[in-house]
């Protein structure tokens, strides 16, 4: 599996790695999600963004396996922004996943902050 943030996100969206016709749109949505993650207290203190397929999950996660849910969170959020499901039931299910991921990431962040103080 590719470690590229852009390419792995494209893969779960069903877009071939060599198809760059939607890269600008997907990059914009990925960076929007990174802004949300930053506001949740996840990721580098100065924020994070990508500009191409060279940036990897290792660059963002720094090998912190406790943050692997960020990858799924990224997919669900980008899917809702880029290509939302056609039924309200599917949209609602994905929004519930987003809420759960945000809650779990907050729990992780709060636990990390308590350990550091």
N, C-alpha and C. Protein backbone atom coordinates (compact mmCIF):
# COMPACT_ATOMS: atom_id res chain seq x y z
N UNK A 1 0.85 -1.19 0.00
CA UNK A 1 0.00 0.00 0.00
C UNK A 1 0.89 1.24 0.00
N UNK A 2 0.48 2.23 -0.75
CA UNK A 2 1.23 3.47 -0.84
C UNK A 2 1.15 4.25 0.46
N UNK A 3 2.23 4.94 0.80
CA UNK A 3 2.24 5.76 2.00
C UNK A 3 1.90 7.22 1.66
N UNK A 4 1.78 7.50 0.36
CA UNK A 4 1.44 8.85 -0.09
C UNK A 4 0.04 9.20 0.39
N UNK A 5 -0.09 10.36 1.03
CA UNK A 5 -1.40 10.78 1.52
C UNK A 5 -2.37 10.96 0.35
N UNK A 6 -1.93 11.66 -0.68
CA UNK A 6 -2.80 11.89 -1.84
C UNK A 6 -3.17 10.59 -2.53
N UNK A 7 -2.18 9.75 -2.83
CA UNK A 7 -2.46 8.52 -3.58
C UNK A 7 -3.31 7.53 -2.79
N UNK A 8 -3.08 7.42 -1.48
CA UNK A 8 -3.90 6.49 -0.70
C UNK A 8 -5.33 7.00 -0.58
N UNK A 9 -5.49 8.32 -0.49
CA UNK A 9 -6.85 8.88 -0.44
C UNK A 9 -7.55 8.66 -1.77
N UNK A 10 -6.84 8.87 -2.87
CA UNK A 10 -7.42 8.61 -4.19
C UNK A 10 -7.83 7.16 -4.33
N UNK A 11 -6.99 6.25 -3.83
CA UNK A 11 -7.28 4.81 -3.94
C UNK A 11 -8.60 4.47 -3.25
N UNK A 12 -8.80 4.95 -2.01
CA UNK A 12 -10.04 4.60 -1.32
C UNK A 12 -11.24 5.33 -1.90
N UNK A 13 -11.00 6.41 -2.66
CA UNK A 13 -12.08 7.08 -3.37
C UNK A 13 -12.39 6.39 -4.70
N UNK A 14 -11.58 5.40 -5.07
CA UNK A 14 -11.79 4.67 -6.32
C UNK A 14 -11.18 5.35 -7.52
N UNK A 15 -10.17 6.19 -7.31
CA UNK A 15 -9.51 6.91 -8.39
C UNK A 15 -8.10 6.34 -8.57
N UNK A 16 -7.75 6.02 -9.80
CA UNK A 16 -6.43 5.46 -10.08
C UNK A 16 -5.33 6.45 -9.74
N UNK A 17 -4.22 5.92 -9.26
CA UNK A 17 -3.09 6.75 -8.86
C UNK A 17 -2.59 7.63 -10.00
N UNK A 18 -2.63 7.11 -11.23
CA UNK A 18 -2.11 7.87 -12.38
C UNK A 18 -3.15 8.83 -12.99
N UNK A 19 -4.36 8.83 -12.47
CA UNK A 19 -5.39 9.77 -12.92
C UNK A 19 -5.29 11.04 -12.08
N UNK A 20 -4.76 12.10 -12.68
CA UNK A 20 -4.56 13.34 -11.92
C UNK A 20 -5.64 14.39 -12.20
N UNK A 21 -6.73 13.99 -12.83
CA UNK A 21 -7.76 14.96 -13.21
C UNK A 21 -8.50 15.57 -12.01
N UNK A 22 -8.47 14.90 -10.87
CA UNK A 22 -9.15 15.43 -9.68
C UNK A 22 -8.18 15.82 -8.57
N UNK A 23 -6.90 15.78 -8.85
CA UNK A 23 -5.90 16.02 -7.80
C UNK A 23 -6.09 17.36 -7.10
N UNK A 24 -6.34 18.42 -7.85
CA UNK A 24 -6.50 19.74 -7.24
C UNK A 24 -7.67 19.75 -6.25
N UNK A 25 -8.78 19.16 -6.64
CA UNK A 25 -9.96 19.09 -5.76
C UNK A 25 -9.66 18.27 -4.51
N UNK A 26 -9.05 17.11 -4.70
CA UNK A 26 -8.77 16.22 -3.58
C UNK A 26 -7.74 16.85 -2.65
N UNK A 27 -6.72 17.49 -3.21
CA UNK A 27 -5.72 18.18 -2.38
C UNK A 27 -6.37 19.25 -1.52
N UNK A 28 -7.26 20.01 -2.11
CA UNK A 28 -7.96 21.06 -1.36
C UNK A 28 -8.73 20.46 -0.18
N UNK A 29 -9.45 19.36 -0.42
CA UNK A 29 -10.24 18.73 0.63
C UNK A 29 -9.34 18.10 1.70
N UNK A 30 -8.24 17.48 1.28
CA UNK A 30 -7.30 16.90 2.24
C UNK A 30 -6.77 17.99 3.16
N UNK A 31 -6.38 19.12 2.59
CA UNK A 31 -5.84 20.20 3.41
C UNK A 31 -6.90 20.82 4.32
N UNK A 32 -8.14 20.82 3.89
CA UNK A 32 -9.24 21.25 4.76
C UNK A 32 -9.34 20.32 5.97
N UNK A 33 -9.23 19.02 5.73
CA UNK A 33 -9.31 18.05 6.83
C UNK A 33 -8.10 18.21 7.76
N UNK A 34 -6.92 18.50 7.20
CA UNK A 34 -5.75 18.75 8.07
C UNK A 34 -5.98 19.97 8.95
N UNK A 35 -6.67 20.98 8.44
CA UNK A 35 -7.00 22.14 9.27
C UNK A 35 -7.92 21.73 10.42
N UNK A 36 -8.90 20.92 10.13
CA UNK A 36 -9.80 20.42 11.17
C UNK A 36 -9.03 19.61 12.20
N UNK A 37 -8.14 18.72 11.74
CA UNK A 37 -7.34 17.92 12.66
C UNK A 37 -6.47 18.82 13.55
N UNK A 38 -5.91 19.87 12.96
CA UNK A 38 -5.10 20.81 13.73
C UNK A 38 -5.95 21.48 14.82
N UNK A 39 -7.17 21.85 14.46
CA UNK A 39 -8.07 22.47 15.44
C UNK A 39 -8.47 21.49 16.54
N UNK A 40 -8.44 20.20 16.23
CA UNK A 40 -8.72 19.16 17.23
C UNK A 40 -7.48 18.87 18.09
N UNK A 41 -6.35 19.47 17.73
CA UNK A 41 -5.12 19.25 18.50
C UNK A 41 -4.33 18.05 18.04
N UNK A 42 -4.58 17.59 16.83
CA UNK A 42 -3.89 16.43 16.27
C UNK A 42 -2.91 16.90 15.19
N UNK A 43 -1.70 16.36 15.23
CA UNK A 43 -0.71 16.69 14.21
C UNK A 43 0.29 17.72 14.70
N UNK A 44 1.15 18.17 13.79
CA UNK A 44 2.20 19.14 14.15
C UNK A 44 1.61 20.44 14.69
N UNK A 45 2.33 21.05 15.63
CA UNK A 45 1.85 22.28 16.26
C UNK A 45 1.65 23.42 15.26
N UNK A 46 2.45 23.45 14.21
CA UNK A 46 2.36 24.52 13.21
C UNK A 46 1.36 24.21 12.10
N UNK A 47 0.64 23.11 12.22
CA UNK A 47 -0.30 22.72 11.16
C UNK A 47 0.40 21.86 10.13
N UNK A 48 -0.33 21.47 9.11
CA UNK A 48 0.20 20.55 8.10
C UNK A 48 -0.61 20.72 6.83
N UNK A 49 0.07 20.62 5.69
CA UNK A 49 -0.61 20.62 4.41
C UNK A 49 0.22 19.86 3.39
N UNK A 50 -0.42 19.42 2.33
CA UNK A 50 0.29 18.75 1.26
C UNK A 50 0.07 19.51 -0.03
N UNK A 51 1.00 19.32 -0.97
CA UNK A 51 0.90 19.99 -2.27
C UNK A 51 0.95 19.01 -3.43
N UNK A 52 1.33 17.77 -3.15
CA UNK A 52 1.46 16.78 -4.21
C UNK A 52 1.45 15.38 -3.60
N UNK A 53 1.79 14.39 -4.40
CA UNK A 53 1.75 13.00 -3.94
C UNK A 53 3.03 12.59 -3.21
N UNK A 54 3.97 13.50 -3.03
CA UNK A 54 5.23 13.16 -2.37
C UNK A 54 5.10 13.09 -0.85
N UNK A 55 4.17 13.82 -0.27
CA UNK A 55 4.01 13.84 1.18
C UNK A 55 3.36 12.54 1.64
N UNK A 56 3.93 11.95 2.69
CA UNK A 56 3.48 10.64 3.14
C UNK A 56 2.80 10.70 4.50
N UNK A 57 2.10 9.62 4.81
CA UNK A 57 1.48 9.51 6.13
C UNK A 57 2.54 9.53 7.22
N UNK A 58 3.70 8.97 6.95
CA UNK A 58 4.79 8.99 7.94
C UNK A 58 5.22 10.41 8.24
N UNK A 59 5.17 11.30 7.24
CA UNK A 59 5.51 12.71 7.47
C UNK A 59 4.54 13.33 8.47
N UNK A 60 3.30 12.94 8.39
CA UNK A 60 2.28 13.52 9.27
C UNK A 60 2.19 12.80 10.62
N UNK A 61 2.13 11.48 10.58
CA UNK A 61 1.90 10.70 11.79
C UNK A 61 3.17 10.46 12.60
N UNK A 62 4.33 10.64 11.96
CA UNK A 62 5.62 10.41 12.63
C UNK A 62 5.65 9.04 13.31
N UNK A 63 5.15 8.02 12.62
CA UNK A 63 5.15 6.64 13.10
C UNK A 63 4.39 6.44 14.41
N UNK A 64 3.42 7.31 14.70
CA UNK A 64 2.59 7.16 15.89
C UNK A 64 1.40 6.28 15.52
N UNK A 65 1.49 5.01 15.85
CA UNK A 65 0.43 4.06 15.48
C UNK A 65 -0.89 4.35 16.19
N UNK A 66 -0.86 5.15 17.25
CA UNK A 66 -2.10 5.51 17.94
C UNK A 66 -2.96 6.44 17.09
N UNK A 67 -2.40 6.98 16.03
CA UNK A 67 -3.15 7.91 15.18
C UNK A 67 -3.54 7.31 13.83
N UNK A 68 -3.51 5.99 13.71
CA UNK A 68 -3.89 5.36 12.44
C UNK A 68 -5.32 5.67 12.03
N UNK A 69 -6.18 5.99 12.98
CA UNK A 69 -7.57 6.35 12.66
C UNK A 69 -7.64 7.61 11.81
N UNK A 70 -6.58 8.42 11.84
CA UNK A 70 -6.55 9.63 11.02
C UNK A 70 -6.73 9.29 9.55
N UNK A 71 -6.19 8.17 9.12
CA UNK A 71 -6.30 7.78 7.71
C UNK A 71 -7.77 7.52 7.33
N UNK A 72 -8.48 6.80 8.18
CA UNK A 72 -9.90 6.55 7.91
C UNK A 72 -10.71 7.84 8.02
N UNK A 73 -10.37 8.65 9.01
CA UNK A 73 -11.05 9.93 9.19
C UNK A 73 -10.87 10.79 7.93
N UNK A 74 -9.65 10.81 7.41
CA UNK A 74 -9.36 11.58 6.19
C UNK A 74 -10.25 11.09 5.05
N UNK A 75 -10.33 9.78 4.86
CA UNK A 75 -11.13 9.24 3.76
C UNK A 75 -12.60 9.65 3.90
N UNK A 76 -13.16 9.46 5.08
CA UNK A 76 -14.59 9.74 5.26
C UNK A 76 -14.87 11.22 5.03
N UNK A 77 -14.03 12.08 5.60
CA UNK A 77 -14.24 13.53 5.44
C UNK A 77 -14.08 13.95 3.98
N UNK A 78 -13.04 13.45 3.30
CA UNK A 78 -12.83 13.81 1.90
C UNK A 78 -13.96 13.25 1.04
N UNK A 79 -14.40 12.04 1.32
CA UNK A 79 -15.51 11.44 0.57
C UNK A 79 -16.76 12.31 0.70
N UNK A 80 -17.05 12.78 1.90
CA UNK A 80 -18.24 13.62 2.10
C UNK A 80 -18.11 14.95 1.36
N UNK A 81 -16.90 15.48 1.26
CA UNK A 81 -16.70 16.75 0.56
C UNK A 81 -16.63 16.57 -0.96
N UNK A 82 -15.93 15.53 -1.40
CA UNK A 82 -15.64 15.35 -2.83
C UNK A 82 -16.73 14.59 -3.58
N UNK A 83 -17.23 13.52 -2.98
CA UNK A 83 -18.18 12.65 -3.67
C UNK A 83 -19.15 12.05 -2.65
N UNK A 84 -20.05 12.89 -2.11
CA UNK A 84 -20.95 12.39 -1.07
C UNK A 84 -21.90 11.31 -1.60
N UNK A 85 -22.30 10.40 -0.72
CA UNK A 85 -23.26 9.36 -1.12
C UNK A 85 -24.56 10.00 -1.60
N UNK A 86 -25.31 9.24 -2.36
CA UNK A 86 -26.54 9.79 -2.93
C UNK A 86 -27.75 9.68 -2.00
N UNK A 87 -27.63 8.89 -0.94
CA UNK A 87 -28.77 8.76 -0.03
C UNK A 87 -28.48 9.45 1.30
N UNK A 88 -29.52 9.96 1.90
CA UNK A 88 -29.36 10.63 3.20
C UNK A 88 -28.94 9.64 4.28
N UNK A 89 -29.34 8.37 4.13
CA UNK A 89 -28.96 7.35 5.11
C UNK A 89 -27.45 7.12 5.10
N UNK A 90 -26.87 7.05 3.92
CA UNK A 90 -25.42 6.84 3.80
C UNK A 90 -24.66 8.07 4.30
N UNK A 91 -25.16 9.25 3.98
CA UNK A 91 -24.53 10.48 4.46
C UNK A 91 -24.56 10.52 5.98
N UNK A 92 -25.70 10.20 6.56
CA UNK A 92 -25.84 10.22 8.02
C UNK A 92 -24.90 9.20 8.67
N UNK A 93 -24.77 8.02 8.07
CA UNK A 93 -23.87 7.00 8.60
C UNK A 93 -22.42 7.49 8.57
N UNK A 94 -22.04 8.14 7.49
CA UNK A 94 -20.67 8.65 7.38
C UNK A 94 -20.45 9.80 8.37
N UNK A 95 -21.44 10.63 8.56
CA UNK A 95 -21.31 11.73 9.52
C UNK A 95 -21.17 11.19 10.94
N UNK A 96 -21.85 10.08 11.24
CA UNK A 96 -21.69 9.45 12.55
C UNK A 96 -20.28 8.90 12.72
N UNK A 97 -19.71 8.35 11.64
CA UNK A 97 -18.33 7.89 11.69
C UNK A 97 -17.39 9.06 11.98
N UNK A 98 -17.61 10.18 11.31
CA UNK A 98 -16.80 11.38 11.54
C UNK A 98 -16.86 11.78 13.00
N UNK A 99 -18.05 11.82 13.56
CA UNK A 99 -18.23 12.21 14.96
C UNK A 99 -17.48 11.25 15.89
N UNK A 100 -17.57 9.96 15.61
CA UNK A 100 -16.87 8.98 16.45
C UNK A 100 -15.35 9.14 16.32
N UNK A 101 -14.85 9.30 15.10
CA UNK A 101 -13.41 9.50 14.92
C UNK A 101 -12.94 10.75 15.67
N UNK A 102 -13.71 11.83 15.58
CA UNK A 102 -13.32 13.07 16.27
C UNK A 102 -13.32 12.86 17.78
N UNK A 103 -14.29 12.13 18.29
CA UNK A 103 -14.34 11.85 19.72
C UNK A 103 -13.12 11.04 20.14
N UNK A 104 -12.81 10.00 19.38
CA UNK A 104 -11.66 9.14 19.72
C UNK A 104 -10.35 9.90 19.61
N UNK A 105 -10.20 10.72 18.61
CA UNK A 105 -8.97 11.52 18.47
C UNK A 105 -8.86 12.52 19.62
N UNK A 106 -9.98 13.09 20.06
CA UNK A 106 -9.97 13.98 21.21
C UNK A 106 -9.56 13.24 22.48
N UNK A 107 -10.07 12.05 22.67
CA UNK A 107 -9.71 11.23 23.83
C UNK A 107 -8.21 10.97 23.81
N UNK A 108 -7.68 10.62 22.65
CA UNK A 108 -6.23 10.38 22.53
C UNK A 108 -5.46 11.65 22.88
N UNK A 109 -5.86 12.78 22.31
CA UNK A 109 -5.15 14.04 22.54
C UNK A 109 -5.19 14.42 24.02
N UNK A 110 -6.36 14.31 24.64
CA UNK A 110 -6.48 14.67 26.05
C UNK A 110 -5.62 13.77 26.93
N UNK A 111 -5.56 12.49 26.61
CA UNK A 111 -4.71 11.57 27.36
C UNK A 111 -3.24 11.89 27.18
N UNK A 112 -2.87 12.26 25.98
CA UNK A 112 -1.48 12.63 25.70
C UNK A 112 -1.10 13.90 26.44
N UNK A 113 -1.99 14.88 26.48
CA UNK A 113 -1.72 16.14 27.16
C UNK A 113 -1.56 15.89 28.66
N UNK A 114 -2.40 15.04 29.24
CA UNK A 114 -2.30 14.73 30.68
C UNK A 114 -0.97 14.06 31.00
N UNK A 115 -0.51 13.15 30.12
CA UNK A 115 0.75 12.45 30.36
C UNK A 115 1.94 13.39 30.26
N UNK A 116 1.83 14.42 29.41
CA UNK A 116 2.95 15.35 29.20
C UNK A 116 3.05 16.39 30.31
N UNK A 117 1.96 16.61 31.06
CA UNK A 117 2.01 17.64 32.12
C UNK A 117 2.35 17.06 33.46
